Every structure is written in structure tokens, then in C-alpha cells.
Amino acid sequence: MLPNHKVLYFGFMDKEDKALYKEPWEQLYAAHHGSEKAQSCIQSFHKDISGKGMTQQGRDRKQRLVKKLWHEDTKTELHLSVY
């Protein structure tokens, strides 16, 4: 379930973070055998959600989730493997 959330919340990252996490993003697709068609579909979805107007609370919530899923990735996976 964690990779699904990573795919979804990658669209909420700013451009600098997307550039930083481009390689892990591509590895995620390779690990789960994501096709080119699936990638283009997800990219169009990300374009749609990036243009969505959000409140400040919504933006803060998305940034917290991005931080947990991408920036603190190894710590999150370690906690999940303990349970």
C-alpha cells in the first residue's frame, strides 16, 4: 500500500523535490513493472491535481504526507516492518 501512496503524493511535490526524487520514482515503476501507458496516465492525473486549488490547510496536509512518504521513507518502512 505504501507504493500506491507514494505514486499519488508524488504529484503534490514541488519541482525541486520532484527532480530530487526522480530516480527513486523511476525505480518504483521498475520494481512494480509499470508500463509506459500507466506512467503517462499517472502523469496526466498529477497535472490535474497540481492545478487544483487548495486551502492553506490542504497544502500543509499534503506537504506533511509528502515529507513522511518521501523524505522520511526509510524510517517509515522500518516502523512498518516492526509491526
C-alpha atoms as a PDB file:
ATOM      1  CA  MET A   1       0.000   0.000   0.000  1.00  0.00           C
ATOM      2  CA  LEU A   2       2.893   2.341   0.657  1.00  0.00           C
ATOM      3  CA  PRO A   3       3.993   2.492  -3.029  1.00  0.00           C
ATOM      4  CA  ASN A   4       0.453   3.467  -4.023  1.00  0.00           C
ATOM      5  CA  HIS A   5       0.549   6.418  -1.680  1.00  0.00           C
ATOM      6  CA  LYS A   6       3.971   7.395  -2.990  1.00  0.00           C
ATOM      7  CA  VAL A   7       2.621   7.446  -6.545  1.00  0.00           C
ATOM      8  CA  LEU A   8      -0.337   9.580  -5.525  1.00  0.00           C
ATOM      9  CA  TYR A   9       1.548  12.107  -3.417  1.00  0.00           C
ATOM     10  CA  PHE A  10       4.423  12.496  -5.888  1.00  0.00           C
ATOM     11  CA  GLY A  11       2.072  14.835  -7.747  1.00  0.00           C
ATOM     12  CA  PHE A  12       1.900  17.194  -4.774  1.00  0.00           C
ATOM     13  CA  MET A  13       5.678  17.723  -4.582  1.00  0.00           C
ATOM     14  CA  ASP A  14       7.237  20.964  -5.702  1.00  0.00           C
ATOM     15  CA  LYS A  15       9.535  20.960  -8.742  1.00  0.00           C
ATOM     16  CA  GLU A  16      12.752  20.779  -6.711  1.00  0.00           C
ATOM     17  CA  ASP A  17      11.606  17.697  -4.808  1.00  0.00           C
ATOM     18  CA  LYS A  18      10.371  16.031  -7.989  1.00  0.00           C
ATOM     19  CA  ALA A  19      13.815  16.499  -9.521  1.00  0.00           C
ATOM     20  CA  LEU A  20      15.459  15.160  -6.355  1.00  0.00           C
ATOM     21  CA  TYR A  21      13.267  12.052  -6.161  1.00  0.00           C
ATOM     22  CA  LYS A  22      13.115  11.312  -9.893  1.00  0.00           C
ATOM     23  CA  GLU A  23      15.425   8.290  -9.621  1.00  0.00           C
ATOM     24  CA  PRO A  24      13.538   6.597  -6.738  1.00  0.00           C
ATOM     25  CA  TRP A  25      10.326   7.358  -8.632  1.00  0.00           C
ATOM     26  CA  GLU A  26      11.633   5.523 -11.693  1.00  0.00           C
ATOM     27  CA  GLN A  27      12.848   2.639  -9.520  1.00  0.00           C
ATOM     28  CA  LEU A  28       9.353   2.375  -8.062  1.00  0.00           C
ATOM     29  CA  TYR A  29       7.903   1.925 -11.548  1.00  0.00           C
ATOM     30  CA  ALA A  30      10.587  -0.610 -12.476  1.00  0.00           C
ATOM     31  CA  ALA A  31      10.023  -2.613  -9.284  1.00  0.00           C
ATOM     32  CA  HIS A  32       6.274  -2.846  -9.911  1.00  0.00           C
ATOM     33  CA  HIS A  33       6.501  -3.284 -13.689  1.00  0.00           C
ATOM     34  CA  GLY A  34       4.731  -0.030 -14.521  1.00  0.00           C
ATOM     35  CA  SER A  35       4.089   0.310 -18.243  1.00  0.00           C
ATOM     36  CA  GLU A  36       4.614   3.458 -20.306  1.00  0.00           C
ATOM     37  CA  LYS A  37       0.848   3.788 -20.698  1.00  0.00           C
ATOM     38  CA  ALA A  38       0.371   3.637 -16.930  1.00  0.00           C
ATOM     39  CA  GLN A  39       3.089   6.249 -16.406  1.00  0.00           C
ATOM     40  CA  SER A  40       1.515   8.648 -18.901  1.00  0.00           C
ATOM     41  CA  CYS A  41      -1.903   8.154 -17.293  1.00  0.00           C
ATOM     42  CA  ILE A  42      -0.499   8.887 -13.835  1.00  0.00           C
ATOM     43  CA  GLN A  43       1.379  11.940 -15.129  1.00  0.00           C
ATOM     44  CA  SER A  44      -1.843  13.366 -16.560  1.00  0.00           C
ATOM     45  CA  PHE A  45      -3.501  12.704 -13.200  1.00  0.00           C
ATOM     46  CA  HIS A  46      -0.656  14.571 -11.468  1.00  0.00           C
ATOM     47  CA  LYS A  47      -1.134  17.527 -13.807  1.00  0.00           C
ATOM     48  CA  ASP A  48      -4.814  17.632 -12.902  1.00  0.00           C
ATOM     49  CA  ILE A  49      -4.230  17.563  -9.163  1.00  0.00           C
ATOM     50  CA  SER A  50      -1.362  20.064  -9.296  1.00  0.00           C
ATOM     51  CA  GLY A  51      -3.701  22.631 -10.819  1.00  0.00           C
ATOM     52  CA  LYS A  52      -6.318  22.030  -8.149  1.00  0.00           C
ATOM     53  CA  GLY A  53      -6.993  24.960  -5.842  1.00  0.00           C
ATOM     54  CA  MET A  54      -6.476  24.051  -2.198  1.00  0.00           C
ATOM     55  CA  THR A  55      -6.778  25.852   1.076  1.00  0.00           C
ATOM     56  CA  GLN A  56      -3.672  26.500   3.134  1.00  0.00           C
ATOM     57  CA  GLN A  57      -4.667  23.656   5.455  1.00  0.00           C
ATOM     58  CA  GLY A  58      -4.919  21.302   2.487  1.00  0.00           C
ATOM     59  CA  ARG A  59      -1.489  22.332   1.209  1.00  0.00           C
ATOM     60  CA  ASP A  60       0.020  21.853   4.670  1.00  0.00           C
ATOM     61  CA  ARG A  61      -1.559  18.411   4.973  1.00  0.00           C
ATOM     62  CA  LYS A  62      -0.201  17.354   1.578  1.00  0.00           C
ATOM     63  CA  GLN A  63       3.280  18.612   2.481  1.00  0.00           C
ATOM     64  CA  ARG A  64       3.244  16.631   5.734  1.00  0.00           C
ATOM     65  CA  LEU A  65       2.297  13.476   3.843  1.00  0.00           C
ATOM     66  CA  VAL A  66       4.973  14.079   1.202  1.00  0.00           C
ATOM     67  CA  LYS A  67       7.519  14.546   3.966  1.00  0.00           C
ATOM     68  CA  LYS A  68       6.531  11.278   5.640  1.00  0.00           C
ATOM     69  CA  LEU A  69       6.331   9.230   2.444  1.00  0.00           C
ATOM     70  CA  TRP A  70       9.370  10.526   0.577  1.00  0.00           C
ATOM     71  CA  HIS A  71      11.711  12.413   2.911  1.00  0.00           C
ATOM     72  CA  GLU A  72      11.409  10.066   5.888  1.00  0.00           C
ATOM     73  CA  ASP A  73      10.946   6.940   3.773  1.00  0.00           C
ATOM     74  CA  THR A  74      13.399   4.564   5.436  1.00  0.00           C
ATOM     75  CA  LYS A  75      12.195   5.457   8.902  1.00  0.00           C
ATOM     76  CA  THR A  76       8.572   4.792   7.877  1.00  0.00           C
ATOM     77  CA  GLU A  77       9.396   1.424   6.316  1.00  0.00           C
ATOM     78  CA  LEU A  78      11.387   0.438   9.403  1.00  0.00           C
ATOM     79  CA  HIS A  79       8.418   1.157  11.674  1.00  0.00           C
ATOM     80  CA  LEU A  80       6.085  -0.771   9.379  1.00  0.00           C
ATOM     81  CA  SER A  81       8.375  -3.808   9.318  1.00  0.00           C
ATOM     82  CA  VAL A  82       8.488  -3.922  13.134  1.00  0.00           C
ATOM     83  CA  TYR A  83       4.714  -4.395  13.312  1.00  0.00           C
END
